Amino acid sequence: MQSRNNSPTMDYITRMFVREPAWLNPVRERGEMLRAGMQVSPAEGKMLHWLLRISGAENILEIGSFIGYSTLWMAHALPPSGHITTLERDEKNAEIAAQHFFTSPHAAQINIVQGDALAWLSAQPLKPAYDFVFIDAEKRSYARYLESVMPLLKPRAWIVGDNSLLFGALSGEAPNAASSEAIAAIQQFNTLLADETRFESMLLPTTEGMTVARLR
């Protein structure tokens, strides 16, 4: 999710390093029209694409689809054998995302599940299934998402959480930008991933922060 205008630095990064596929442009524009700031920026989408390429991950779980822009950036990085399961609580958003997936070059590689992510996660068999998870959903639930997804991750799996600076609330730049519940949840999420006995991790200083971790 992108809540503020890009900085000149991010604009430069986008110009130099982001080549958004032509078929993705209408998806981004529709997302901006429906609810500005709800989806990743093109630069953040490219970061996800790059992380997937260097990780070699093939089985992806996304928590929070919105209308599918981030999903499609990730799908664009997958090998033919790769697959994404993406979870979206909002019925209308899930319907729009499904339309975007169907008309994309990666329709066969994406499965969207409409419903509550925590309920879905708790219903899954407790066995390693995913080697990459991207979290961009309800902020007050980030720590619970992480705890719920851990039993489903393969060894050396990657975990990426967007908005992990919480619109400036965690850094003190904008202390009133989020609820106390959301601040506590994101702080717990970052604290868990900063544990060097369990993860190799870093918080990338994107406009809103993106925490990246890999299981040891």
C-alpha atoms as a PDB file:
ATOM      1  CA  MET A   1       0.000   0.000   0.000  1.00  0.00           C
ATOM      2  CA  GLN A   2       1.204   3.471  -0.892  1.00  0.00           C
ATOM      3  CA  SER A   3      -0.299   6.291   1.153  1.00  0.00           C
ATOM      4  CA  ARG A   4       1.785   9.268   0.144  1.00  0.00           C
ATOM      5  CA  ASN A   5       3.146  10.738  -3.044  1.00  0.00           C
ATOM      6  CA  ASN A   6       6.470   9.291  -4.074  1.00  0.00           C
ATOM      7  CA  SER A   7       9.559  11.219  -3.109  1.00  0.00           C
ATOM      8  CA  PRO A   8      11.929  12.507  -5.810  1.00  0.00           C
ATOM      9  CA  THR A   9      14.186   9.588  -4.899  1.00  0.00           C
ATOM     10  CA  MET A  10      11.435   7.036  -5.525  1.00  0.00           C
ATOM     11  CA  ASP A  11      10.477   8.796  -8.744  1.00  0.00           C
ATOM     12  CA  TYR A  12      14.087   8.481  -9.924  1.00  0.00           C
ATOM     13  CA  ILE A  13      14.194   4.793  -8.970  1.00  0.00           C
ATOM     14  CA  THR A  14      10.976   4.203 -10.888  1.00  0.00           C
ATOM     15  CA  ARG A  15      12.259   5.955 -14.016  1.00  0.00           C
ATOM     16  CA  MET A  16      15.556   4.091 -13.980  1.00  0.00           C
ATOM     17  CA  PHE A  17      14.642   0.570 -12.905  1.00  0.00           C
ATOM     18  CA  VAL A  18      10.915  -0.081 -13.340  1.00  0.00           C
ATOM     19  CA  ARG A  19       9.570  -1.397 -16.635  1.00  0.00           C
ATOM     20  CA  GLU A  20       5.919  -2.054 -15.922  1.00  0.00           C
ATOM     21  CA  PRO A  21       4.452  -4.568 -18.401  1.00  0.00           C
ATOM     22  CA  ALA A  22       1.877  -2.908 -20.657  1.00  0.00           C
ATOM     23  CA  TRP A  23      -0.865  -5.315 -19.552  1.00  0.00           C
ATOM     24  CA  LEU A  24      -0.313  -4.268 -15.908  1.00  0.00           C
ATOM     25  CA  ASN A  25      -0.870  -0.566 -16.531  1.00  0.00           C
ATOM     26  CA  PRO A  26      -4.703  -0.741 -16.634  1.00  0.00           C
ATOM     27  CA  VAL A  27      -4.719  -2.728 -13.373  1.00  0.00           C
ATOM     28  CA  ARG A  28      -2.662  -0.064 -11.610  1.00  0.00           C
ATOM     29  CA  GLU A  29      -4.818   2.733 -12.996  1.00  0.00           C
ATOM     30  CA  ARG A  30      -8.026   1.007 -11.927  1.00  0.00           C
ATOM     31  CA  GLY A  31      -6.661   0.527  -8.412  1.00  0.00           C
ATOM     32  CA  GLU A  32      -5.707   4.184  -8.169  1.00  0.00           C
ATOM     33  CA  MET A  33      -9.172   5.170  -9.356  1.00  0.00           C
ATOM     34  CA  LEU A  34     -10.982   2.881  -6.900  1.00  0.00           C
ATOM     35  CA  ARG A  35      -8.929   3.780  -3.841  1.00  0.00           C
ATOM     36  CA  ALA A  36      -5.733   5.754  -4.154  1.00  0.00           C
ATOM     37  CA  GLY A  37      -2.935   4.442  -1.961  1.00  0.00           C
ATOM     38  CA  MET A  38      -4.321   0.943  -1.450  1.00  0.00           C
ATOM     39  CA  GLN A  39      -1.857  -0.915  -3.661  1.00  0.00           C
ATOM     40  CA  VAL A  40       1.901  -1.088  -3.970  1.00  0.00           C
ATOM     41  CA  SER A  41       3.645   1.437  -6.177  1.00  0.00           C
ATOM     42  CA  PRO A  42       5.304   0.328  -9.436  1.00  0.00           C
ATOM     43  CA  ALA A  43       8.684   0.497  -7.669  1.00  0.00           C
ATOM     44  CA  GLU A  44       7.438  -1.710  -4.839  1.00  0.00           C
ATOM     45  CA  GLY A  45       5.936  -4.095  -7.374  1.00  0.00           C
ATOM     46  CA  LYS A  46       9.329  -4.321  -9.075  1.00  0.00           C
ATOM     47  CA  MET A  47      10.955  -4.983  -5.680  1.00  0.00           C
ATOM     48  CA  LEU A  48       8.614  -7.927  -5.140  1.00  0.00           C
ATOM     49  CA  HIS A  49       9.368  -9.173  -8.663  1.00  0.00           C
ATOM     50  CA  TRP A  50      13.112  -8.894  -8.016  1.00  0.00           C
ATOM     51  CA  LEU A  51      12.916 -10.610  -4.618  1.00  0.00           C
ATOM     52  CA  LEU A  52      11.029 -13.517  -6.149  1.00  0.00           C
ATOM     53  CA  ARG A  53      13.559 -13.854  -8.950  1.00  0.00           C
ATOM     54  CA  ILE A  54      16.550 -13.963  -6.608  1.00  0.00           C
ATOM     55  CA  SER A  55      14.786 -16.226  -4.096  1.00  0.00           C
ATOM     56  CA  GLY A  56      13.797 -18.839  -6.659  1.00  0.00           C
ATOM     57  CA  ALA A  57      10.479 -19.252  -4.847  1.00  0.00           C
ATOM     58  CA  GLU A  58       7.703 -21.098  -6.661  1.00  0.00           C
ATOM     59  CA  ASN A  59       4.841 -21.424  -4.155  1.00  0.00           C
ATOM     60  CA  ILE A  60       3.670 -17.994  -3.042  1.00  0.00           C
ATOM     61  CA  LEU A  61       1.090 -16.912  -0.485  1.00  0.00           C
ATOM     62  CA  GLU A  62      -0.206 -13.350  -0.562  1.00  0.00           C
ATOM     63  CA  ILE A  63      -2.293 -11.974   2.307  1.00  0.00           C
ATOM     64  CA  GLY A  64      -4.223  -9.013   0.926  1.00  0.00           C
ATOM     65  CA  SER A  65      -4.882  -8.871  -2.827  1.00  0.00           C
ATOM     66  CA  PHE A  66      -6.859  -5.634  -3.214  1.00  0.00           C
ATOM     67  CA  ILE A  67      -7.532  -5.849  -6.984  1.00  0.00           C
ATOM     68  CA  GLY A  68      -4.458  -7.862  -7.908  1.00  0.00           C
ATOM     69  CA  TYR A  69      -1.708  -5.409  -8.895  1.00  0.00           C
ATOM     70  CA  SER A  70       0.903  -6.778  -6.482  1.00  0.00           C
ATOM     71  CA  THR A  71      -0.210 -10.342  -7.253  1.00  0.00           C
ATOM     72  CA  LEU A  72       0.440  -9.851 -10.945  1.00  0.00           C
ATOM     73  CA  TRP A  73       3.861  -8.270 -10.375  1.00  0.00           C
ATOM     74  CA  MET A  74       4.795 -11.432  -8.451  1.00  0.00           C
ATOM     75  CA  ALA A  75       3.215 -13.780 -10.983  1.00  0.00           C
ATOM     76  CA  HIS A  76       5.281 -12.088 -13.683  1.00  0.00           C
ATOM     77  CA  ALA A  77       8.427 -13.267 -11.857  1.00  0.00           C
ATOM     78  CA  LEU A  78       7.417 -16.916 -11.531  1.00  0.00           C
ATOM     79  CA  PRO A  79       8.713 -19.843 -13.561  1.00  0.00           C
ATOM     80  CA  PRO A  80       6.059 -21.852 -15.453  1.00  0.00           C
ATOM     81  CA  SER A  81       5.815 -24.262 -12.504  1.00  0.00           C
ATOM     82  CA  GLY A  82       5.148 -21.457 -10.006  1.00  0.00           C
ATOM     83  CA  HIS A  83       1.838 -20.713  -8.304  1.00  0.00           C
ATOM     84  CA  ILE A  84       0.308 -17.964  -6.155  1.00  0.00           C
ATOM     85  CA  THR A  85      -2.513 -18.283  -3.645  1.00  0.00           C
ATOM     86  CA  THR A  86      -3.819 -14.825  -2.779  1.00  0.00           C
ATOM     87  CA  LEU A  87      -6.293 -14.002  -0.001  1.00  0.00           C
ATOM     88  CA  GLU A  88      -8.718 -11.065  -0.110  1.00  0.00           C
ATOM     89  CA  ARG A  89     -11.405 -10.355   2.472  1.00  0.00           C
ATOM     90  CA  ASP A  90     -13.464  -7.856   0.462  1.00  0.00           C
ATOM     91  CA  GLU A  91     -15.867  -9.598  -1.912  1.00  0.00           C
ATOM     92  CA  LYS A  92     -15.944  -6.827  -4.528  1.00  0.00           C
ATOM     93  CA  ASN A  93     -12.158  -6.438  -4.568  1.00  0.00           C
ATOM     94  CA  ALA A  94     -11.768 -10.200  -4.947  1.00  0.00           C
ATOM     95  CA  GLU A  95     -14.176 -10.202  -7.875  1.00  0.00           C
ATOM     96  CA  ILE A  96     -12.260  -7.439  -9.654  1.00  0.00           C
ATOM     97  CA  ALA A  97      -8.925  -9.137  -8.926  1.00  0.00           C
ATOM     98  CA  ALA A  98     -10.222 -12.403 -10.376  1.00  0.00           C
ATOM     99  CA  GLN A  99     -11.159 -10.573 -13.574  1.00  0.00           C
ATOM    100  CA  HIS A 100      -7.659  -9.112 -13.809  1.00  0.00           C
ATOM    101  CA  PHE A 101      -6.065 -12.510 -13.244  1.00  0.00           C
ATOM    102  CA  PHE A 102      -8.251 -14.176 -15.874  1.00  0.00           C
ATOM    103  CA  THR A 103      -7.237 -11.690 -18.568  1.00  0.00           C
ATOM    104  CA  SER A 104      -3.538 -11.672 -17.625  1.00  0.00           C
ATOM    105  CA  PRO A 105      -0.806 -13.908 -19.096  1.00  0.00           C
ATOM    106  CA  HIS A 106      -0.637 -15.720 -15.720  1.00  0.00           C
ATOM    107  CA  ALA A 107      -4.245 -16.832 -15.205  1.00  0.00           C
ATOM    108  CA  ALA A 108      -3.329 -20.493 -14.735  1.00  0.00           C
ATOM    109  CA  GLN A 109      -0.844 -19.681 -11.973  1.00  0.00           C
ATOM    110  CA  ILE A 110      -3.083 -17.705  -9.603  1.00  0.00           C
ATOM    111  CA  ASN A 111      -5.770 -18.874  -7.189  1.00  0.00           C
ATOM    112  CA  ILE A 112      -7.745 -16.229  -5.294  1.00  0.00           C
ATOM    113  CA  VAL A 113      -9.546 -17.023  -2.051  1.00  0.00           C
ATOM    114  CA  GLN A 114     -12.201 -14.597  -0.834  1.00  0.00           C
ATOM    115  CA  GLY A 115     -12.662 -14.526   2.927  1.00  0.00           C
ATOM    116  CA  ASP A 116     -10.958 -13.866   6.244  1.00  0.00           C
ATOM    117  CA  ALA A 117      -7.230 -14.599   6.056  1.00  0.00           C
ATOM    118  CA  LEU A 118      -6.821 -15.686   9.675  1.00  0.00           C
ATOM    119  CA  ALA A 119      -9.720 -18.123   9.378  1.00  0.00           C
ATOM    120  CA  TRP A 120      -8.278 -19.540   6.144  1.00  0.00           C
ATOM    121  CA  LEU A 121      -4.798 -19.878   7.618  1.00  0.00           C
ATOM    122  CA  SER A 122      -6.089 -21.672  10.711  1.00  0.00           C
ATOM    123  CA  ALA A 123      -7.895 -24.203   8.498  1.00  0.00           C
ATOM    124  CA  GLN A 124      -4.795 -25.232   6.515  1.00  0.00           C
ATOM    125  CA  PRO A 125      -2.926 -28.504   7.134  1.00  0.00           C
ATOM    126  CA  LEU A 126       0.102 -27.882   9.341  1.00  0.00           C
ATOM    127  CA  LYS A 127       2.754 -28.732   6.775  1.00  0.00           C
ATOM    128  CA  PRO A 128       5.287 -26.625   4.868  1.00  0.00           C
ATOM    129  CA  ALA A 129       3.729 -25.481   1.607  1.00  0.00           C
ATOM    130  CA  TYR A 130       5.025 -21.993   0.764  1.00  0.00           C
ATOM    131  CA  ASP A 131       8.480 -20.590   0.146  1.00  0.00           C
ATOM    132  CA  PHE A 132       7.450 -16.912  -0.081  1.00  0.00           C
ATOM    133  CA  VAL A 133       4.716 -14.928   1.671  1.00  0.00           C
ATOM    134  CA  PHE A 134       3.759 -11.303   1.056  1.00  0.00           C
ATOM    135  CA  ILE A 135       1.631  -9.523   3.670  1.00  0.00           C
ATOM    136  CA  ASP A 136      -0.233  -6.326   2.798  1.00  0.00           C
ATOM    137  CA  ALA A 137      -3.530  -6.468   4.654  1.00  0.00           C
ATOM    138  CA  GLU A 138      -5.130  -5.262   7.899  1.00  0.00           C
ATOM    139  CA  LYS A 139      -2.300  -3.657   9.876  1.00  0.00           C
ATOM    140  CA  ARG A 140      -3.571  -4.546  13.344  1.00  0.00           C
ATOM    141  CA  SER A 141      -3.393  -8.237  12.363  1.00  0.00           C
ATOM    142  CA  TYR A 142       0.190  -8.334  11.020  1.00  0.00           C
ATOM    143  CA  ALA A 143       1.655 -10.147  14.022  1.00  0.00           C
ATOM    144  CA  ARG A 144      -1.176 -12.695  13.970  1.00  0.00           C
ATOM    145  CA  TYR A 145      -0.722 -13.233  10.227  1.00  0.00           C
ATOM    146  CA  LEU A 146       2.945 -13.955  10.836  1.00  0.00           C
ATOM    147  CA  GLU A 147       2.292 -16.351  13.702  1.00  0.00           C
ATOM    148  CA  SER A 148      -0.406 -18.164  11.704  1.00  0.00           C
ATOM    149  CA  VAL A 149       1.657 -18.542   8.541  1.00  0.00           C
ATOM    150  CA  MET A 150       4.872 -19.798  10.156  1.00  0.00           C
ATOM    151  CA  PRO A 151       3.811 -23.496  10.273  1.00  0.00           C
ATOM    152  CA  LEU A 152       3.027 -23.322   6.540  1.00  0.00           C
ATOM    153  CA  LEU A 153       6.476 -22.129   5.461  1.00  0.00           C
ATOM    154  CA  LYS A 154       9.206 -24.250   3.951  1.00  0.00           C
ATOM    155  CA  PRO A 155      12.793 -24.049   5.254  1.00  0.00           C
ATOM    156  CA  ARG A 156      14.539 -20.855   4.107  1.00  0.00           C
ATOM    157  CA  ALA A 157      11.209 -19.309   3.112  1.00  0.00           C
ATOM    158  CA  TRP A 158      10.955 -15.570   2.544  1.00  0.00           C
ATOM    159  CA  ILE A 159       8.546 -13.236   4.373  1.00  0.00           C
ATOM    160  CA  VAL A 160       7.806  -9.727   3.109  1.00  0.00           C
ATOM    161  CA  GLY A 161       5.575  -7.242   4.914  1.00  0.00           C
ATOM    162  CA  ASP A 162       4.517  -3.957   3.334  1.00  0.00           C
ATOM    163  CA  ASN A 163       3.799  -0.712   5.234  1.00  0.00           C
ATOM    164  CA  SER A 164       6.102  -1.803   8.036  1.00  0.00           C
ATOM    165  CA  LEU A 165       6.879   1.814   8.979  1.00  0.00           C
ATOM    166  CA  LEU A 166       3.105   2.322   9.286  1.00  0.00           C
ATOM    167  CA  PHE A 167       2.849   5.623   7.439  1.00  0.00           C
ATOM    168  CA  GLY A 168       5.516   7.198   9.656  1.00  0.00           C
ATOM    169  CA  ALA A 169       3.890   6.181  12.942  1.00  0.00           C
ATOM    170  CA  LEU A 170       6.722   3.854  14.017  1.00  0.00           C
ATOM    171  CA  SER A 171       9.538   6.250  13.216  1.00  0.00           C
ATOM    172  CA  GLY A 172       7.815   9.148  14.969  1.00  0.00           C
ATOM    173  CA  GLU A 173       7.521  11.092  11.727  1.00  0.00           C
ATOM    174  CA  ALA A 174       3.717  10.925  11.899  1.00  0.00           C
ATOM    175  CA  PRO A 175       2.860   9.567  15.362  1.00  0.00           C
ATOM    176  CA  ASN A 176      -0.892   9.942  14.878  1.00  0.00           C
ATOM    177  CA  ALA A 177      -1.024   8.243  11.463  1.00  0.00           C
ATOM    178  CA  ALA A 178      -2.356   4.946  12.826  1.00  0.00           C
ATOM    179  CA  SER A 179      -4.253   3.483  15.752  1.00  0.00           C
ATOM    180  CA  SER A 180      -2.423   2.318  18.862  1.00  0.00           C
ATOM    181  CA  GLU A 181      -3.554  -1.241  18.056  1.00  0.00           C
ATOM    182  CA  ALA A 182      -2.009  -1.090  14.580  1.00  0.00           C
ATOM    183  CA  ILE A 183       1.198   0.460  15.919  1.00  0.00           C
ATOM    184  CA  ALA A 184       1.557  -2.316  18.505  1.00  0.00           C
ATOM    185  CA  ALA A 185       0.904  -5.030  15.898  1.00  0.00           C
ATOM    186  CA  ILE A 186       3.418  -3.720  13.358  1.00  0.00           C
ATOM    187  CA  GLN A 187       6.006  -3.168  16.088  1.00  0.00           C
ATOM    188  CA  GLN A 188       5.536  -6.776  17.206  1.00  0.00           C
ATOM    189  CA  PHE A 189       5.752  -7.945  13.573  1.00  0.00           C
ATOM    190  CA  ASN A 190       9.050  -6.123  13.048  1.00  0.00           C
ATOM    191  CA  THR A 191      10.407  -7.288  16.407  1.00  0.00           C
ATOM    192  CA  LEU A 192       9.677 -10.913  15.567  1.00  0.00           C
ATOM    193  CA  LEU A 193      11.373 -10.651  12.167  1.00  0.00           C
ATOM    194  CA  ALA A 194      14.374  -8.806  13.622  1.00  0.00           C
ATOM    195  CA  ASP A 195      15.249 -11.898  15.696  1.00  0.00           C
ATOM    196  CA  GLU A 196      18.575 -12.947  14.180  1.00  0.00           C
ATOM    197  CA  THR A 197      18.380 -16.406  15.732  1.00  0.00           C
ATOM    198  CA  ARG A 198      15.393 -17.194  13.493  1.00  0.00           C
ATOM    199  CA  PHE A 199      15.643 -14.864  10.493  1.00  0.00           C
ATOM    200  CA  GLU A 200      17.974 -12.997   8.190  1.00  0.00           C
ATOM    201  CA  SER A 201      16.114  -9.722   7.825  1.00  0.00           C
ATOM    202  CA  MET A 202      16.103  -6.040   6.973  1.00  0.00           C
ATOM    203  CA  LEU A 203      13.556  -3.227   6.765  1.00  0.00           C
ATOM    204  CA  LEU A 204      13.888  -1.582   3.342  1.00  0.00           C
ATOM    205  CA  PRO A 205      13.316   2.196   3.532  1.00  0.00           C
ATOM    206  CA  THR A 206      10.651   2.486   0.852  1.00  0.00           C
ATOM    207  CA  THR A 207       8.135   5.299   1.212  1.00  0.00           C
ATOM    208  CA  GLU A 208       6.103   3.214   3.678  1.00  0.00           C
ATOM    209  CA  GLY A 209       8.674   0.591   4.661  1.00  0.00           C
ATOM    210  CA  MET A 210       8.995  -3.013   3.496  1.00  0.00           C
ATOM    211  CA  THR A 211      10.336  -5.629   5.915  1.00  0.00           C
ATOM    212  CA  VAL A 212      12.087  -8.544   4.203  1.00  0.00           C
ATOM    213  CA  ALA A 213      13.119 -11.679   6.075  1.00  0.00           C
ATOM    214  CA  ARG A 214      14.268 -15.201   5.315  1.00  0.00           C
ATOM    215  CA  LEU A 215      14.009 -18.138   7.673  1.00  0.00           C
ATOM    216  CA  ARG A 216      17.358 -19.443   8.863  1.00  0.00           C
END
